[in-house]
Amino acid sequence: MDVTDPETEKDTIPFFPDHFMTELYVTIGIVVLAVILGILGIINPIGLQAPADPLDTPLHVKPEWYFLALYQLLKYVPPQVLGIDGAIFSTSMVMIALLVVAIWPFLDKKDDKKKAMWIRLAVTVVGVIVAVALTIWGEVS
């Protein structure tokens, strides 16, 4: 299609009145929503809770969801592994595995073969399934 063709100019939408007004309406909507939420926060503030006590630990402490798999893994590693503290051992193994995954693309310069691709895919799928299973297990336990 030729840019100088009159048919092309009819198919375009001008930026200034059309797109500009759409963006203006969205901006006004966001500002109105922020003002409404601010007013609601001023009218009905959340009260302060009890002061923090560093000596009083809650009974059931859980990390955020993205650390639940590691937290669950730490719960089931024995206290000593090969003469090393279990928590240090398991955390180090996870960090080494993540480091290998991060460095692997820079080390692997060979062409892909079908068998290698399927092995890599299987290892990835098993790793994701284990991580998701540990996360879910950590959430329900």
N, C-alpha and C. Protein backbone atom coordinates (compact mmCIF):
# COMPACT_ATOMS: atom_id res chain seq x y z
N MET A 1 0.83 -1.17 0.00
CA MET A 1 0.00 0.00 0.00
C MET A 1 0.88 1.24 0.00
N ASP A 2 0.53 2.16 -0.83
CA ASP A 2 1.30 3.40 -0.95
C ASP A 2 0.87 4.38 0.14
N VAL A 3 1.84 5.00 0.77
CA VAL A 3 1.54 5.93 1.87
C VAL A 3 0.86 7.19 1.35
N THR A 4 1.19 7.58 0.15
CA THR A 4 0.59 8.80 -0.41
C THR A 4 -0.79 8.55 -0.99
N ASP A 5 -1.22 7.32 -1.00
CA ASP A 5 -2.52 6.98 -1.56
C ASP A 5 -3.63 7.57 -0.68
N PRO A 6 -4.64 8.21 -1.28
CA PRO A 6 -5.73 8.79 -0.48
C PRO A 6 -6.51 7.75 0.32
N GLU A 7 -6.55 6.50 -0.17
CA GLU A 7 -7.26 5.45 0.56
C GLU A 7 -6.58 5.18 1.91
N THR A 8 -5.26 5.27 1.97
CA THR A 8 -4.52 5.03 3.21
C THR A 8 -4.86 6.09 4.25
N GLU A 9 -4.99 7.32 3.85
CA GLU A 9 -5.29 8.39 4.80
C GLU A 9 -6.69 8.24 5.39
N LYS A 10 -7.62 7.66 4.65
CA LYS A 10 -8.97 7.47 5.18
C LYS A 10 -9.00 6.35 6.23
N ASP A 11 -8.07 5.40 6.14
CA ASP A 11 -8.06 4.28 7.06
C ASP A 11 -7.39 4.60 8.40
N THR A 12 -6.75 5.73 8.53
CA THR A 12 -6.04 6.06 9.77
C THR A 12 -6.92 6.87 10.71
N ILE A 13 -6.56 6.82 11.98
CA ILE A 13 -7.27 7.59 13.00
C ILE A 13 -6.31 8.66 13.50
N PRO A 14 -6.72 9.91 13.52
CA PRO A 14 -5.81 10.96 13.98
C PRO A 14 -5.53 10.82 15.48
N PHE A 15 -4.29 11.14 15.85
CA PHE A 15 -3.89 10.99 17.25
C PHE A 15 -4.58 12.02 18.13
N PHE A 16 -4.57 13.30 17.67
CA PHE A 16 -4.96 14.35 18.62
C PHE A 16 -6.38 14.24 19.15
N PRO A 17 -7.38 14.35 18.40
CA PRO A 17 -8.63 14.35 19.17
C PRO A 17 -9.01 12.97 19.68
N ASP A 18 -8.77 11.93 18.88
CA ASP A 18 -9.29 10.61 19.25
C ASP A 18 -8.47 9.94 20.36
N HIS A 19 -7.23 9.65 20.08
CA HIS A 19 -6.40 8.94 21.06
C HIS A 19 -6.14 9.80 22.30
N PHE A 20 -5.95 11.08 22.10
CA PHE A 20 -5.70 11.98 23.23
C PHE A 20 -6.89 11.99 24.18
N MET A 21 -8.10 12.05 23.65
CA MET A 21 -9.29 12.07 24.51
C MET A 21 -9.46 10.74 25.24
N THR A 22 -9.15 9.64 24.57
CA THR A 22 -9.24 8.34 25.25
C THR A 22 -8.28 8.29 26.44
N GLU A 23 -7.05 8.73 26.23
CA GLU A 23 -6.07 8.75 27.32
C GLU A 23 -6.50 9.71 28.42
N LEU A 24 -7.10 10.82 28.06
CA LEU A 24 -7.57 11.79 29.05
C LEU A 24 -8.68 11.18 29.91
N TYR A 25 -9.61 10.46 29.29
CA TYR A 25 -10.68 9.81 30.05
C TYR A 25 -10.12 8.76 31.01
N VAL A 26 -9.16 7.98 30.56
CA VAL A 26 -8.55 6.96 31.43
C VAL A 26 -7.83 7.63 32.60
N THR A 27 -7.10 8.70 32.33
CA THR A 27 -6.39 9.42 33.40
C THR A 27 -7.36 10.01 34.41
N ILE A 28 -8.44 10.60 33.92
CA ILE A 28 -9.45 11.17 34.83
C ILE A 28 -10.07 10.06 35.67
N GLY A 29 -10.34 8.90 35.07
CA GLY A 29 -10.91 7.78 35.81
C GLY A 29 -9.99 7.29 36.91
N ILE A 30 -8.70 7.20 36.62
CA ILE A 30 -7.74 6.75 37.63
C ILE A 30 -7.63 7.76 38.76
N VAL A 31 -7.61 9.05 38.43
CA VAL A 31 -7.53 10.09 39.46
C VAL A 31 -8.78 10.06 40.34
N VAL A 32 -9.96 9.92 39.73
CA VAL A 32 -11.21 9.85 40.50
C VAL A 32 -11.19 8.63 41.43
N LEU A 33 -10.74 7.49 40.92
CA LEU A 33 -10.65 6.29 41.75
C LEU A 33 -9.68 6.49 42.91
N ALA A 34 -8.53 7.13 42.66
CA ALA A 34 -7.56 7.39 43.72
C ALA A 34 -8.14 8.34 44.76
N VAL A 35 -8.88 9.35 44.33
CA VAL A 35 -9.49 10.29 45.28
C VAL A 35 -10.55 9.58 46.13
N ILE A 36 -11.36 8.74 45.50
CA ILE A 36 -12.39 8.00 46.25
C ILE A 36 -11.73 7.09 47.29
N LEU A 37 -10.68 6.36 46.89
CA LEU A 37 -10.00 5.49 47.84
C LEU A 37 -9.34 6.29 48.96
N GLY A 38 -8.78 7.46 48.63
CA GLY A 38 -8.18 8.31 49.66
C GLY A 38 -9.21 8.81 50.65
N ILE A 39 -10.37 9.23 50.15
CA ILE A 39 -11.43 9.71 51.04
C ILE A 39 -11.93 8.58 51.93
N LEU A 40 -12.10 7.38 51.36
CA LEU A 40 -12.53 6.24 52.17
C LEU A 40 -11.49 5.90 53.24
N GLY A 41 -10.21 6.04 52.90
CA GLY A 41 -9.16 5.80 53.89
C GLY A 41 -9.15 6.82 55.00
N ILE A 42 -9.49 8.07 54.68
CA ILE A 42 -9.55 9.11 55.70
C ILE A 42 -10.77 8.92 56.59
N ILE A 43 -11.91 8.56 55.99
CA ILE A 43 -13.15 8.40 56.76
C ILE A 43 -13.07 7.18 57.68
N ASN A 44 -12.54 6.07 57.17
CA ASN A 44 -12.53 4.82 57.93
C ASN A 44 -11.11 4.26 57.99
N PRO A 45 -10.23 4.85 58.81
CA PRO A 45 -8.85 4.36 58.86
C PRO A 45 -8.74 3.03 59.59
N ILE A 46 -7.72 2.29 59.25
CA ILE A 46 -7.45 1.03 59.95
C ILE A 46 -6.75 1.37 61.26
N GLY A 47 -7.23 0.81 62.35
CA GLY A 47 -6.64 1.10 63.65
C GLY A 47 -5.28 0.44 63.82
N LEU A 48 -4.54 0.95 64.77
CA LEU A 48 -3.24 0.37 65.06
C LEU A 48 -3.41 -0.94 65.81
N GLN A 49 -2.51 -1.86 65.56
CA GLN A 49 -2.54 -3.13 66.27
C GLN A 49 -1.63 -3.02 67.48
N ALA A 50 -1.49 -4.14 68.17
CA ALA A 50 -0.62 -4.15 69.36
C ALA A 50 0.82 -3.87 68.93
N PRO A 51 1.59 -3.22 69.79
CA PRO A 51 2.99 -2.94 69.43
C PRO A 51 3.77 -4.24 69.21
N ALA A 52 4.75 -4.18 68.35
CA ALA A 52 5.55 -5.36 68.03
C ALA A 52 6.36 -5.79 69.25
N ASP A 53 6.38 -7.10 69.48
CA ASP A 53 7.15 -7.66 70.59
C ASP A 53 8.13 -8.67 70.01
N PRO A 54 9.43 -8.36 69.99
CA PRO A 54 10.39 -9.28 69.38
C PRO A 54 10.54 -10.59 70.13
N LEU A 55 10.07 -10.67 71.35
CA LEU A 55 10.19 -11.91 72.12
C LEU A 55 8.97 -12.81 71.98
N ASP A 56 7.93 -12.34 71.32
CA ASP A 56 6.70 -13.11 71.16
C ASP A 56 6.55 -13.52 69.69
N THR A 57 6.88 -14.77 69.39
CA THR A 57 6.77 -15.27 68.02
C THR A 57 5.40 -15.92 67.84
N PRO A 58 4.71 -15.62 66.75
CA PRO A 58 3.43 -16.29 66.51
C PRO A 58 3.62 -17.80 66.36
N LEU A 59 2.55 -18.55 66.62
CA LEU A 59 2.65 -20.00 66.59
C LEU A 59 2.97 -20.53 65.19
N HIS A 60 2.31 -20.03 64.20
CA HIS A 60 2.48 -20.58 62.86
C HIS A 60 2.99 -19.50 61.91
N VAL A 61 4.29 -19.47 61.71
CA VAL A 61 4.91 -18.48 60.83
C VAL A 61 5.17 -19.15 59.49
N LYS A 62 4.73 -18.50 58.41
CA LYS A 62 4.96 -19.02 57.06
C LYS A 62 5.54 -17.91 56.21
N PRO A 63 6.45 -18.26 55.31
CA PRO A 63 6.96 -17.25 54.39
C PRO A 63 5.96 -16.97 53.28
N GLU A 64 6.29 -16.02 52.43
CA GLU A 64 5.45 -15.74 51.26
C GLU A 64 5.48 -16.94 50.33
N TRP A 65 4.54 -16.98 49.36
CA TRP A 65 4.37 -18.15 48.51
C TRP A 65 5.62 -18.48 47.71
N TYR A 66 6.41 -17.48 47.32
CA TYR A 66 7.56 -17.76 46.47
C TYR A 66 8.71 -18.39 47.25
N PHE A 67 8.65 -18.41 48.58
CA PHE A 67 9.66 -19.10 49.38
C PHE A 67 9.12 -20.38 50.01
N LEU A 68 7.87 -20.73 49.77
CA LEU A 68 7.28 -21.89 50.43
C LEU A 68 7.96 -23.20 50.04
N ALA A 69 8.38 -23.35 48.77
CA ALA A 69 9.04 -24.59 48.35
C ALA A 69 10.34 -24.79 49.12
N LEU A 70 11.14 -23.74 49.23
CA LEU A 70 12.40 -23.84 49.99
C LEU A 70 12.12 -24.06 51.47
N TYR A 71 11.11 -23.41 52.00
CA TYR A 71 10.73 -23.58 53.41
C TYR A 71 10.31 -25.02 53.67
N GLN A 72 9.53 -25.59 52.76
CA GLN A 72 9.09 -26.97 52.92
C GLN A 72 10.28 -27.93 52.81
N LEU A 73 11.19 -27.63 51.89
CA LEU A 73 12.39 -28.46 51.75
C LEU A 73 13.23 -28.42 53.03
N LEU A 74 13.35 -27.24 53.63
CA LEU A 74 14.13 -27.10 54.87
C LEU A 74 13.52 -27.91 56.01
N LYS A 75 12.19 -28.06 56.02
CA LYS A 75 11.55 -28.79 57.10
C LYS A 75 11.87 -30.28 57.07
N TYR A 76 12.17 -30.83 55.88
CA TYR A 76 12.34 -32.27 55.75
C TYR A 76 13.78 -32.71 55.51
N VAL A 77 14.73 -31.79 55.52
CA VAL A 77 16.14 -32.16 55.43
C VAL A 77 16.62 -32.51 56.83
N PRO A 78 17.38 -33.61 56.96
CA PRO A 78 17.87 -33.97 58.29
C PRO A 78 18.80 -32.90 58.87
N PRO A 79 18.97 -32.88 60.20
CA PRO A 79 19.80 -31.83 60.82
C PRO A 79 21.25 -31.84 60.35
N GLN A 80 21.79 -33.01 60.05
CA GLN A 80 23.17 -33.11 59.57
C GLN A 80 23.19 -33.90 58.25
N VAL A 81 23.84 -33.32 57.23
CA VAL A 81 24.01 -34.01 55.95
C VAL A 81 25.49 -33.95 55.62
N LEU A 82 26.15 -35.11 55.58
CA LEU A 82 27.58 -35.20 55.29
C LEU A 82 28.40 -34.33 56.23
N GLY A 83 27.99 -34.23 57.47
CA GLY A 83 28.71 -33.43 58.46
C GLY A 83 28.46 -31.94 58.37
N ILE A 84 27.53 -31.53 57.50
CA ILE A 84 27.20 -30.11 57.32
C ILE A 84 25.80 -29.89 57.88
N ASP A 85 25.57 -28.71 58.43
CA ASP A 85 24.24 -28.37 58.93
C ASP A 85 23.22 -28.54 57.80
N GLY A 86 22.08 -29.16 58.09
CA GLY A 86 21.09 -29.46 57.07
C GLY A 86 20.53 -28.24 56.37
N ALA A 87 20.29 -27.17 57.12
CA ALA A 87 19.74 -25.95 56.51
C ALA A 87 20.75 -25.32 55.55
N ILE A 88 22.02 -25.29 55.96
CA ILE A 88 23.06 -24.73 55.09
C ILE A 88 23.23 -25.60 53.85
N PHE A 89 23.20 -26.93 54.04
CA PHE A 89 23.37 -27.85 52.91
C PHE A 89 22.25 -27.69 51.89
N SER A 90 20.99 -27.71 52.35
CA SER A 90 19.88 -27.64 51.39
C SER A 90 19.82 -26.28 50.71
N THR A 91 20.06 -25.21 51.44
CA THR A 91 20.05 -23.88 50.84
C THR A 91 21.18 -23.74 49.83
N SER A 92 22.35 -24.28 50.15
CA SER A 92 23.48 -24.23 49.22
C SER A 92 23.19 -25.03 47.96
N MET A 93 22.57 -26.20 48.10
CA MET A 93 22.25 -27.02 46.93
C MET A 93 21.25 -26.30 46.02
N VAL A 94 20.25 -25.65 46.60
CA VAL A 94 19.29 -24.91 45.79
C VAL A 94 19.97 -23.75 45.08
N MET A 95 20.85 -23.04 45.78
CA MET A 95 21.54 -21.91 45.16
C MET A 95 22.49 -22.37 44.06
N ILE A 96 23.18 -23.49 44.27
CA ILE A 96 24.06 -24.02 43.23
C ILE A 96 23.25 -24.45 42.01
N ALA A 97 22.09 -25.08 42.24
CA ALA A 97 21.24 -25.48 41.12
C ALA A 97 20.75 -24.26 40.34
N LEU A 98 20.35 -23.20 41.03
CA LEU A 98 19.91 -21.99 40.34
C LEU A 98 21.06 -21.32 39.59
N LEU A 99 22.25 -21.36 40.16
CA LEU A 99 23.43 -20.80 39.49
C LEU A 99 23.75 -21.59 38.22
N VAL A 100 23.67 -22.92 38.28
CA VAL A 100 23.92 -23.75 37.10
C VAL A 100 22.88 -23.45 36.02
N VAL A 101 21.62 -23.31 36.41
CA VAL A 101 20.58 -22.99 35.43
C VAL A 101 20.82 -21.62 34.80
N ALA A 102 21.30 -20.66 35.57
CA ALA A 102 21.55 -19.32 35.03
C ALA A 102 22.77 -19.30 34.11
N ILE A 103 23.79 -20.09 34.41
CA ILE A 103 25.03 -20.08 33.63
C ILE A 103 24.97 -21.02 32.43
N TRP A 104 24.10 -22.02 32.47
CA TRP A 104 24.08 -23.06 31.44
C TRP A 104 23.99 -22.53 30.01
N PRO A 105 23.15 -21.55 29.68
CA PRO A 105 23.09 -21.08 28.29
C PRO A 105 24.42 -20.53 27.78
N PHE A 106 25.24 -19.99 28.64
CA PHE A 106 26.53 -19.45 28.21
C PHE A 106 27.57 -20.56 28.01
N LEU A 107 27.38 -21.70 28.67
CA LEU A 107 28.32 -22.81 28.54
C LEU A 107 27.97 -23.75 27.40
N ASP A 108 26.70 -23.89 27.09
CA ASP A 108 26.24 -24.84 26.08
C ASP A 108 26.24 -24.18 24.71
N LYS A 109 27.22 -24.52 23.89
CA LYS A 109 27.33 -23.93 22.55
C LYS A 109 27.02 -24.93 21.45
N LYS A 110 26.67 -26.18 21.81
CA LYS A 110 26.43 -27.21 20.81
C LYS A 110 25.06 -27.03 20.16
N ASP A 111 24.93 -27.61 18.96
CA ASP A 111 23.62 -27.62 18.30
C ASP A 111 22.70 -28.57 19.06
N ASP A 112 21.41 -28.27 19.02
CA ASP A 112 20.43 -29.11 19.70
C ASP A 112 20.19 -30.40 18.94
N LYS A 113 20.08 -31.46 19.68
CA LYS A 113 19.66 -32.73 19.11
C LYS A 113 18.29 -33.04 19.70
N LYS A 114 17.51 -33.84 18.98
CA LYS A 114 16.15 -34.15 19.44
C LYS A 114 16.16 -34.78 20.83
N LYS A 115 17.07 -35.75 21.06
CA LYS A 115 17.09 -36.44 22.34
C LYS A 115 17.47 -35.48 23.47
N ALA A 116 18.45 -34.63 23.23
CA ALA A 116 18.87 -33.67 24.26
C ALA A 116 17.74 -32.70 24.58
N MET A 117 16.98 -32.30 23.56
CA MET A 117 15.87 -31.38 23.79
C MET A 117 14.81 -32.03 24.68
N TRP A 118 14.50 -33.31 24.43
CA TRP A 118 13.48 -33.98 25.23
C TRP A 118 13.96 -34.22 26.66
N ILE A 119 15.24 -34.51 26.83
CA ILE A 119 15.78 -34.69 28.18
C ILE A 119 15.71 -33.38 28.95
N ARG A 120 16.10 -32.28 28.30
CA ARG A 120 16.06 -30.97 28.94
C ARG A 120 14.62 -30.59 29.29
N LEU A 121 13.69 -30.88 28.38
CA LEU A 121 12.28 -30.59 28.64
C LEU A 121 11.76 -31.42 29.81
N ALA A 122 12.14 -32.70 29.87
CA ALA A 122 11.69 -33.56 30.96
C ALA A 122 12.24 -33.09 32.30
N VAL A 123 13.52 -32.71 32.33
CA VAL A 123 14.11 -32.21 33.58
C VAL A 123 13.42 -30.92 34.02
N THR A 124 13.11 -30.04 33.06
CA THR A 124 12.43 -28.79 33.39
C THR A 124 11.03 -29.05 33.93
N VAL A 125 10.29 -29.93 33.27
CA VAL A 125 8.92 -30.23 33.71
C VAL A 125 8.93 -30.87 35.10
N VAL A 126 9.85 -31.80 35.34
CA VAL A 126 9.94 -32.43 36.66
C VAL A 126 10.31 -31.40 37.72
N GLY A 127 11.25 -30.50 37.41
CA GLY A 127 11.63 -29.45 38.35
C GLY A 127 10.48 -28.53 38.69
N VAL A 128 9.71 -28.14 37.68
CA VAL A 128 8.56 -27.26 37.92
C VAL A 128 7.50 -27.99 38.75
N ILE A 129 7.26 -29.26 38.44
CA ILE A 129 6.27 -30.03 39.20
C ILE A 129 6.70 -30.17 40.66
N VAL A 130 7.99 -30.44 40.89
CA VAL A 130 8.49 -30.56 42.27
C VAL A 130 8.35 -29.23 43.01
N ALA A 131 8.71 -28.12 42.35
CA ALA A 131 8.61 -26.80 42.99
C ALA A 131 7.16 -26.46 43.31
N VAL A 132 6.25 -26.72 42.37
CA VAL A 132 4.83 -26.44 42.61
C VAL A 132 4.29 -27.34 43.71
N ALA A 133 4.67 -28.62 43.69
CA ALA A 133 4.19 -29.55 44.72
C ALA A 133 4.69 -29.14 46.11
N LEU A 134 5.97 -28.76 46.20
CA LEU A 134 6.49 -28.31 47.50
C LEU A 134 5.81 -27.03 47.96
N THR A 135 5.51 -26.13 47.02
CA THR A 135 4.82 -24.89 47.39
C THR A 135 3.42 -25.18 47.91
N ILE A 136 2.68 -26.03 47.20
CA ILE A 136 1.32 -26.37 47.65
C ILE A 136 1.38 -27.12 48.98
N TRP A 137 2.31 -28.04 49.11
CA TRP A 137 2.47 -28.79 50.35
C TRP A 137 2.81 -27.85 51.51
N GLY A 138 3.66 -26.87 51.25
CA GLY A 138 3.99 -25.90 52.29
C GLY A 138 2.81 -25.03 52.67
N GLU A 139 1.94 -24.75 51.71
CA GLU A 139 0.76 -23.91 52.00
C GLU A 139 -0.26 -24.65 52.84
N VAL A 140 -0.47 -25.93 52.55
CA VAL A 140 -1.51 -26.67 53.28
C VAL A 140 -1.00 -27.25 54.60
N SER A 141 0.31 -27.31 54.78
CA SER A 141 0.81 -27.90 56.03
C SER A 141 0.97 -26.85 57.11
